Amino acid sequence: NEILNKSAHLFKRNHPNCHVVAINWGPWDSGMVSPELKKAFAERNIETIPLETGAQMLVSELEHKNQPTTQVVIGSPLVYTPGALNPELKSFRIQRQLTLAANPFLSDHVIAGKPVLPATCAFSWIANSCEQLYPGYKFFSCQNFKVLKGIIFDGQQANEYTLDLVETSKSDDHEIEFQAKVWSKNADKIRYNFSANIKLRKQIPVAPTYELFNPERTNPDISTSFYQNGASSLFHGSAFQGVESVLNISPETITIDCLVPQVEATKQGQFPVQTFNPYIVDVQIHALWIWSQYYHQVGCLPSEINDFEQFAELPFGEKLYISCEVKSRTNSAMVVNVITHDAQGKIYTRMMDARGIVLPQQLEKI
């Protein structure tokens, strides 16, 4: 089985447009599964797969919508309990090819006529990869996330991108820290694209409450056509749209509410939602743009996050509130705190000392 799994991944890597899938089946309710064996499975809480259900699952895996998925396990779920951590600090190298065809959401993130990989998607690649190395551990926080050289799909991008992960600490079997860098080589020149320090935890801390939430709706004079409505509006397409209204705004703060519809799995491409949701986190940062346009008539794009914590997974299709605190601003940059929470102030994510680059000209001229 493992030889077949590796063969499937190798064939998919060499032929990325080909649909390749290795299905690791649990026991079917037929064939070699005798009544005695079925009883033994039941004693171990292992359910057999009914013939009709198994056939439907096979057809589903062969459908085009599941083309990006190379390896699956089908059977009764197993509750995984992480064992003791190996104290040895390891390093990993993960390489992938990024294409427009494999990532349909990129058509919703176009700057100056060119699709650009959202910084939050690079963030998700790093966080997801760390989680996949340690089942049972979940992404909790990130420090010093930086956009070093964004990935622009202009025909000159690299053929392959590399994620290097280096473990920096493991503590008491409950926390693992990584240093991460995404880089690429083009025309024999190495370019570093993104860097971050990631922390996984076995148990995520209880979500705190944002005590400064201002729910007052002052109806500021701001157009509710937030997206693709002229040069001053946000440029994002449907996968990254979610701002519904601005509750209040001042020189120091802005409060918005948002609801991000479900992004179909096929549209998420190589950047699926796991614990971290790059599509909703991107929408959180739209508060910077709206505030900057309101007071200074310029746009603003994220470049660094000093500290990011996630206490609960961000849900599609539910109302969220985003409270943004403006800490400083110059003609070239602004620094903010962005807190996403529910109507009672319970925090989903907390982004502290996030830096945005102020754009000195209209977006279509960049």
Protein backbone atom coordinates (compact mmCIF):
# COMPACT_ATOMS: atom_id res chain seq x y z
CA ASN A 1 0.00 0.00 0.00
CA GLU A 2 2.70 2.46 0.91
CA ILE A 3 4.56 1.75 -2.33
CA LEU A 4 1.35 2.55 -4.23
CA ASN A 5 0.87 5.76 -2.21
CA LYS A 6 4.37 6.97 -3.01
CA SER A 7 3.96 5.98 -6.65
CA ALA A 8 0.78 8.04 -6.87
CA HIS A 9 2.49 11.12 -5.39
CA LEU A 10 5.45 10.72 -7.74
CA PHE A 11 3.22 10.37 -10.81
CA LYS A 12 1.16 13.40 -9.72
CA ARG A 13 4.31 15.46 -9.25
CA ASN A 14 5.56 14.56 -12.73
CA HIS A 15 2.12 14.97 -14.34
CA PRO A 16 0.31 17.68 -12.30
CA ASN A 17 -2.62 17.93 -14.73
CA CYS A 18 -3.38 14.22 -14.48
CA HIS A 19 -5.95 12.92 -11.98
CA VAL A 20 -4.10 10.44 -9.76
CA VAL A 21 -5.54 9.04 -6.53
CA ALA A 22 -4.42 6.29 -4.16
CA ILE A 23 -7.36 5.16 -2.02
CA ASN A 24 -6.50 3.45 1.26
CA TRP A 25 -9.65 1.49 2.08
CA GLY A 26 -10.89 0.30 5.41
CA PRO A 27 -12.54 -3.14 5.51
CA TRP A 28 -15.49 -3.65 3.14
CA ASP A 29 -18.58 -5.57 4.23
CA SER A 30 -17.87 -8.35 1.74
CA GLY A 31 -15.17 -10.61 0.39
CA MET A 32 -12.66 -11.68 2.99
CA VAL A 33 -14.59 -10.05 5.87
CA SER A 34 -16.29 -13.08 7.40
CA PRO A 35 -18.86 -12.77 10.24
CA GLU A 36 -16.10 -13.69 12.70
CA LEU A 37 -13.77 -11.00 11.34
CA LYS A 38 -16.60 -8.46 11.29
CA LYS A 39 -17.23 -9.22 14.97
CA ALA A 40 -13.53 -8.69 15.73
CA PHE A 41 -13.64 -5.33 13.95
CA ALA A 42 -16.73 -4.30 15.93
CA GLU A 43 -14.97 -5.11 19.21
CA ARG A 44 -12.27 -2.62 18.15
CA ASN A 45 -14.82 0.02 17.09
CA ILE A 46 -13.87 -0.45 13.42
CA GLU A 47 -16.88 -0.25 11.12
CA THR A 48 -17.01 -2.09 7.82
CA ILE A 49 -17.87 -0.19 4.64
CA PRO A 50 -21.24 -1.16 3.06
CA LEU A 51 -20.97 -2.09 -0.62
CA GLU A 52 -23.23 0.70 -1.88
CA THR A 53 -21.51 3.33 0.28
CA GLY A 54 -18.07 2.20 -0.83
CA ALA A 55 -19.07 2.30 -4.48
CA GLN A 56 -20.42 5.86 -4.09
CA MET A 57 -17.19 6.94 -2.38
CA LEU A 58 -15.12 5.47 -5.20
CA VAL A 59 -17.13 7.37 -7.82
CA SER A 60 -16.82 10.56 -5.77
CA GLU A 61 -13.04 10.28 -5.56
CA LEU A 62 -12.83 9.82 -9.33
CA GLU A 63 -14.81 13.01 -10.03
CA HIS A 64 -12.96 16.02 -11.37
CA LYS A 65 -13.66 18.15 -8.28
CA ASN A 66 -11.29 15.92 -6.28
CA GLN A 67 -8.50 16.10 -8.84
CA PRO A 68 -5.99 17.87 -6.51
CA THR A 69 -6.27 15.09 -3.85
CA THR A 70 -3.67 12.37 -4.44
CA GLN A 71 -4.07 10.19 -1.35
CA VAL A 72 -7.14 9.48 0.78
CA VAL A 73 -8.11 7.13 3.58
CA ILE A 74 -11.70 5.86 3.59
CA GLY A 75 -13.08 4.09 6.64
CA SER A 76 -14.30 4.71 10.17
CA PRO A 77 -12.51 7.65 11.80
CA LEU A 78 -9.62 7.01 14.13
CA VAL A 79 -9.13 9.27 17.12
CA TYR A 80 -5.44 10.08 17.14
CA THR A 81 -3.72 10.66 20.46
CA PRO A 82 -0.23 12.14 20.02
CA GLY A 83 2.51 10.21 21.76
CA ALA A 84 5.55 11.60 23.49
CA LEU A 85 7.57 13.97 21.32
CA ASN A 86 10.95 12.92 20.06
CA PRO A 87 13.29 15.52 21.63
CA GLU A 88 15.45 15.59 18.50
CA LEU A 89 14.98 18.82 16.54
CA LYS A 90 14.40 18.07 12.87
CA SER A 91 14.30 19.97 9.61
CA PHE A 92 12.09 19.45 6.57
CA ARG A 93 12.03 20.61 2.97
CA ILE A 94 8.75 20.69 1.03
CA GLN A 95 8.61 21.63 -2.64
CA ARG A 96 5.63 22.38 -4.81
CA GLN A 97 4.75 23.82 -8.17
CA LEU A 98 2.21 26.66 -8.13
CA THR A 99 0.06 27.27 -11.18
CA LEU A 100 -2.97 29.38 -12.02
CA ALA A 101 -4.85 26.30 -13.24
CA ALA A 102 -4.40 24.50 -9.90
CA ASN A 103 -5.55 27.53 -7.86
CA PRO A 104 -8.77 29.05 -9.25
CA PHE A 105 -9.03 31.54 -6.36
CA LEU A 106 -6.09 33.50 -7.84
CA SER A 107 -8.46 35.08 -10.35
CA ASP A 108 -10.02 36.84 -7.34
CA HIS A 109 -6.71 38.38 -6.22
CA VAL A 110 -5.44 40.40 -9.18
CA ILE A 111 -3.25 43.49 -8.74
CA ALA A 112 -2.31 45.67 -11.70
CA GLY A 113 -3.63 43.04 -14.05
CA LYS A 114 -1.55 40.18 -12.59
CA PRO A 115 -2.72 37.41 -10.21
CA VAL A 116 -0.82 37.63 -6.92
CA LEU A 117 -0.65 34.97 -4.22
CA PRO A 118 -2.27 36.46 -1.09
CA ALA A 119 0.10 36.65 1.87
CA THR A 120 -2.49 34.76 3.91
CA CYS A 121 -2.25 31.81 1.51
CA ALA A 122 1.53 31.64 1.97
CA PHE A 123 0.82 31.78 5.72
CA SER A 124 -1.62 28.86 5.36
CA TRP A 125 0.87 26.75 3.39
CA ILE A 126 3.37 27.11 6.25
CA ALA A 127 0.82 26.46 9.02
CA ASN A 128 -0.81 23.52 7.22
CA SER A 129 2.55 21.88 6.53
CA CYS A 130 3.55 22.10 10.18
CA GLU A 131 0.24 20.52 11.25
CA GLN A 132 0.63 17.67 8.76
CA LEU A 133 4.00 16.79 10.25
CA TYR A 134 2.47 16.35 13.71
CA PRO A 135 -1.08 14.92 13.68
CA GLY A 136 -2.90 15.81 16.86
CA TYR A 137 -1.22 19.21 17.11
CA LYS A 138 -2.90 22.37 15.83
CA PHE A 139 -1.65 25.73 14.65
CA PHE A 140 -1.86 28.29 17.45
CA SER A 141 0.37 31.27 16.72
CA CYS A 142 2.84 32.89 14.38
CA GLN A 143 5.53 35.46 15.09
CA ASN A 144 7.45 37.66 12.66
CA PHE A 145 5.57 36.77 9.50
CA LYS A 146 7.08 38.77 6.64
CA VAL A 147 6.37 39.22 2.95
CA LEU A 148 9.88 39.36 1.49
CA LYS A 149 9.10 39.02 -2.20
CA GLY A 150 5.52 38.31 -3.20
CA ILE A 151 4.63 35.66 -5.76
CA ILE A 152 3.23 37.27 -8.92
CA PHE A 153 1.90 35.10 -11.74
CA ASP A 154 3.20 37.20 -14.61
CA GLY A 155 4.77 34.45 -16.69
CA GLN A 156 8.17 35.08 -15.08
CA GLN A 157 7.50 33.28 -11.80
CA ALA A 158 9.60 30.34 -10.67
CA ASN A 159 8.71 26.80 -11.72
CA GLU A 160 8.95 25.53 -8.15
CA TYR A 161 8.74 26.94 -4.64
CA THR A 162 10.44 25.50 -1.55
CA LEU A 163 9.28 25.60 2.05
CA ASP A 164 12.06 24.97 4.58
CA LEU A 165 10.93 24.14 8.11
CA VAL A 166 13.39 23.96 11.00
CA GLU A 167 12.23 22.90 14.45
CA THR A 168 13.54 25.31 17.07
CA SER A 169 11.98 23.88 20.24
CA LYS A 170 9.73 21.16 21.65
CA SER A 171 8.47 21.55 25.18
CA ASP A 172 6.78 19.17 27.59
CA ASP A 173 4.98 17.22 24.87
CA HIS A 174 2.51 20.05 24.27
CA GLU A 175 4.18 22.66 22.05
CA ILE A 176 6.37 22.66 18.93
CA GLU A 177 8.00 25.69 17.32
CA PHE A 178 9.26 26.02 13.74
CA GLN A 179 11.24 28.55 11.78
CA ALA A 180 9.92 28.72 8.24
CA LYS A 181 11.10 30.20 4.96
CA VAL A 182 9.55 30.04 1.51
CA TRP A 183 12.01 30.58 -1.32
CA SER A 184 12.40 30.01 -5.02
CA LYS A 185 15.09 29.98 -7.67
CA ASN A 186 14.66 31.77 -10.98
CA ALA A 187 17.45 32.13 -13.54
CA ASP A 188 19.82 30.64 -10.91
CA LYS A 189 18.99 33.45 -8.50
CA ILE A 190 17.52 32.59 -5.10
CA ARG A 191 14.65 34.76 -3.92
CA TYR A 192 13.20 34.55 -0.43
CA ASN A 193 9.43 35.04 -0.59
CA PHE A 194 8.05 34.64 2.94
CA SER A 195 9.33 33.90 6.44
CA ALA A 196 7.66 33.14 9.77
CA ASN A 197 7.98 31.43 13.14
CA ILE A 198 5.13 28.97 13.74
CA LYS A 199 3.89 27.44 16.98
CA LEU A 200 1.75 24.29 17.25
CA ARG A 201 -0.03 23.21 20.42
CA LYS A 202 -1.75 20.06 21.55
CA GLN A 203 -4.31 22.13 23.45
CA ILE A 204 -5.34 25.60 22.30
CA PRO A 205 -5.84 28.12 25.16
CA VAL A 206 -9.35 29.26 26.03
CA ALA A 207 -10.41 32.22 23.92
CA PRO A 208 -10.16 35.56 25.75
CA THR A 209 -12.69 38.38 25.43
CA TYR A 210 -11.99 41.63 23.60
CA GLU A 211 -13.04 44.19 26.20
CA LEU A 212 -12.73 47.24 23.90
CA PHE A 213 -15.33 46.10 21.35
CA ASN A 214 -17.45 49.09 20.30
CA PRO A 215 -20.72 47.78 18.81
CA GLU A 216 -22.20 51.26 18.32
CA ARG A 217 -23.36 51.80 14.76
CA THR A 218 -22.70 55.45 13.92
CA ASN A 219 -23.50 55.08 10.20
CA PRO A 220 -20.35 56.79 8.88
CA ASP A 221 -20.47 58.26 5.39
CA ILE A 222 -18.82 55.28 3.68
CA SER A 223 -20.06 53.54 0.56
CA THR A 224 -21.25 49.99 1.18
CA SER A 225 -19.99 48.96 -2.27
CA PHE A 226 -16.68 47.86 -0.81
CA TYR A 227 -15.44 45.69 -3.68
CA GLN A 228 -14.49 46.36 -7.31
CA ASN A 229 -16.33 49.67 -7.43
CA GLY A 230 -13.65 52.06 -8.64
CA ALA A 231 -10.04 52.74 -7.79
CA SER A 232 -10.70 53.52 -4.11
CA SER A 233 -12.55 50.25 -3.44
CA LEU A 234 -11.07 46.88 -2.58
CA PHE A 235 -9.88 44.93 -5.63
CA HIS A 236 -10.78 41.46 -4.34
CA GLY A 237 -13.03 38.98 -6.13
CA SER A 238 -15.65 36.68 -4.62
CA ALA A 239 -13.31 34.31 -2.72
CA PHE A 240 -12.02 37.26 -0.67
CA GLN A 241 -15.17 39.33 -0.22
CA GLY A 242 -16.92 39.54 3.12
CA VAL A 243 -17.09 43.07 4.54
CA GLU A 244 -20.75 43.96 5.06
CA SER A 245 -20.64 47.31 6.82
CA VAL A 246 -18.57 49.77 8.87
CA LEU A 247 -20.07 50.14 12.33
CA ASN A 248 -17.87 53.05 13.38
CA ILE A 249 -14.61 54.73 12.43
CA SER A 250 -12.28 57.26 14.05
CA PRO A 251 -8.65 58.36 13.63
CA GLU A 252 -7.70 55.62 16.12
CA THR A 253 -10.07 52.73 15.34
CA ILE A 254 -12.41 51.12 12.85
CA THR A 255 -15.01 48.42 13.55
CA ILE A 256 -16.51 46.39 10.73
CA ASP A 257 -18.73 43.36 10.46
CA CYS A 258 -18.28 40.68 7.86
CA LEU A 259 -19.62 37.38 6.63
CA VAL A 260 -17.53 35.33 4.23
CA PRO A 261 -19.47 32.78 2.14
CA GLN A 262 -18.14 29.26 1.78
CA VAL A 263 -15.31 29.02 -0.75
CA GLU A 264 -15.74 25.74 -2.64
CA ALA A 265 -13.01 23.17 -2.07
CA THR A 266 -12.22 23.02 -5.77
CA LYS A 267 -11.64 26.78 -5.81
CA GLN A 268 -9.26 26.60 -2.83
CA GLY A 269 -6.85 24.56 -4.95
CA GLN A 270 -3.49 23.96 -3.27
CA PHE A 271 -4.41 26.14 -0.28
CA PRO A 272 -7.27 24.32 1.49
CA VAL A 273 -8.66 25.50 4.79
CA GLN A 274 -7.39 23.47 7.74
CA THR A 275 -7.12 25.08 11.18
CA PHE A 276 -6.09 28.37 9.53
CA ASN A 277 -8.52 29.99 7.08
CA PRO A 278 -6.58 32.22 4.62
CA TYR A 279 -9.72 33.52 2.93
CA ILE A 280 -11.32 34.95 6.06
CA VAL A 281 -8.01 36.22 7.48
CA ASP A 282 -7.48 38.14 4.23
CA VAL A 283 -10.89 39.78 4.73
CA GLN A 284 -9.89 40.83 8.26
CA ILE A 285 -7.07 42.91 6.81
CA HIS A 286 -9.53 44.82 4.59
CA ALA A 287 -10.16 47.05 7.59
CA LEU A 288 -6.73 48.63 6.98
CA TRP A 289 -7.64 49.49 3.39
CA ILE A 290 -11.02 50.98 4.31
CA TRP A 291 -9.55 53.11 7.11
CA SER A 292 -6.66 54.32 4.91
CA GLN A 293 -8.98 55.23 2.06
CA TYR A 294 -11.40 57.05 4.36
CA TYR A 295 -8.79 59.28 6.02
CA HIS A 296 -5.99 59.49 3.45
CA GLN A 297 -7.44 58.35 0.10
CA VAL A 298 -4.75 55.70 -0.42
CA GLY A 299 -4.74 51.92 -0.31
CA CYS A 300 -2.78 49.71 2.07
CA LEU A 301 -1.50 46.14 1.69
CA PRO A 302 -0.12 43.85 4.45
CA SER A 303 3.63 43.25 4.66
CA GLU A 304 4.38 42.00 8.20
CA ILE A 305 2.64 40.53 11.24
CA ASN A 306 4.58 40.68 14.47
CA ASP A 307 2.31 38.36 16.42
CA PHE A 308 -0.75 36.33 15.38
CA GLU A 309 -2.77 34.07 17.68
CA GLN A 310 -5.76 31.89 16.86
CA PHE A 311 -8.06 30.66 19.61
CA ALA A 312 -10.90 29.25 17.49
CA GLU A 313 -11.32 28.31 13.85
CA LEU A 314 -12.89 30.99 11.66
CA PRO A 315 -16.20 29.79 10.20
CA PHE A 316 -17.54 30.47 6.73
CA GLY A 317 -21.09 31.79 6.57
CA GLU A 318 -21.21 33.33 10.06
CA LYS A 319 -21.21 36.95 11.21
CA LEU A 320 -17.84 38.13 12.52
CA TYR A 321 -16.74 41.46 13.93
CA ILE A 322 -13.34 42.99 13.28
CA SER A 323 -11.94 45.66 15.59
CA CYS A 324 -8.88 47.43 14.20
CA GLU A 325 -6.70 49.68 16.38
CA VAL A 326 -4.45 52.10 14.49
CA LYS A 327 -1.21 52.40 16.44
CA SER A 328 0.82 54.56 14.05
CA ARG A 329 0.91 55.83 10.47
CA THR A 330 3.46 57.48 8.20
CA ASN A 331 3.31 58.34 4.52
CA SER A 332 4.70 54.90 3.68
CA ALA A 333 3.32 52.50 6.31
CA MET A 334 0.85 51.95 9.12
CA VAL A 335 0.90 49.65 12.16
CA VAL A 336 -2.33 48.20 13.55
CA ASN A 337 -3.83 45.57 15.83
CA VAL A 338 -6.64 43.54 14.23
CA ILE A 339 -8.91 41.51 16.50
CA THR A 340 -11.63 39.25 15.10
CA HIS A 341 -14.40 38.24 17.50
CA ASP A 342 -18.09 37.47 17.82
CA ALA A 343 -20.89 39.75 19.02
CA GLN A 344 -20.01 39.02 22.68
CA GLY A 345 -16.33 39.87 22.13
CA LYS A 346 -15.07 36.26 22.19
CA ILE A 347 -11.83 36.33 20.19
CA TYR A 348 -11.21 34.08 17.21
CA THR A 349 -7.89 35.61 16.13
CA ARG A 350 -5.65 38.39 17.39
CA MET A 351 -3.18 40.07 15.01
CA MET A 352 -0.82 42.40 16.87
CA ASP A 353 1.54 45.00 15.40
CA ALA A 354 0.62 44.19 11.83
CA ARG A 355 2.36 46.43 9.32
CA GLY A 356 0.75 47.61 6.10
CA ILE A 357 2.48 49.31 3.18
CA VAL A 358 0.68 52.49 2.08
CA LEU A 359 0.21 52.69 -1.68
CA PRO A 360 0.95 56.21 -2.94
CA GLN A 361 -1.06 55.83 -6.13
CA GLN A 362 -4.29 54.35 -7.40
CA LEU A 363 -4.31 50.58 -7.62
CA GLU A 364 -4.68 50.22 -11.37
CA LYS A 365 -1.52 52.28 -11.89
CA ILE A 366 0.72 50.12 -9.70
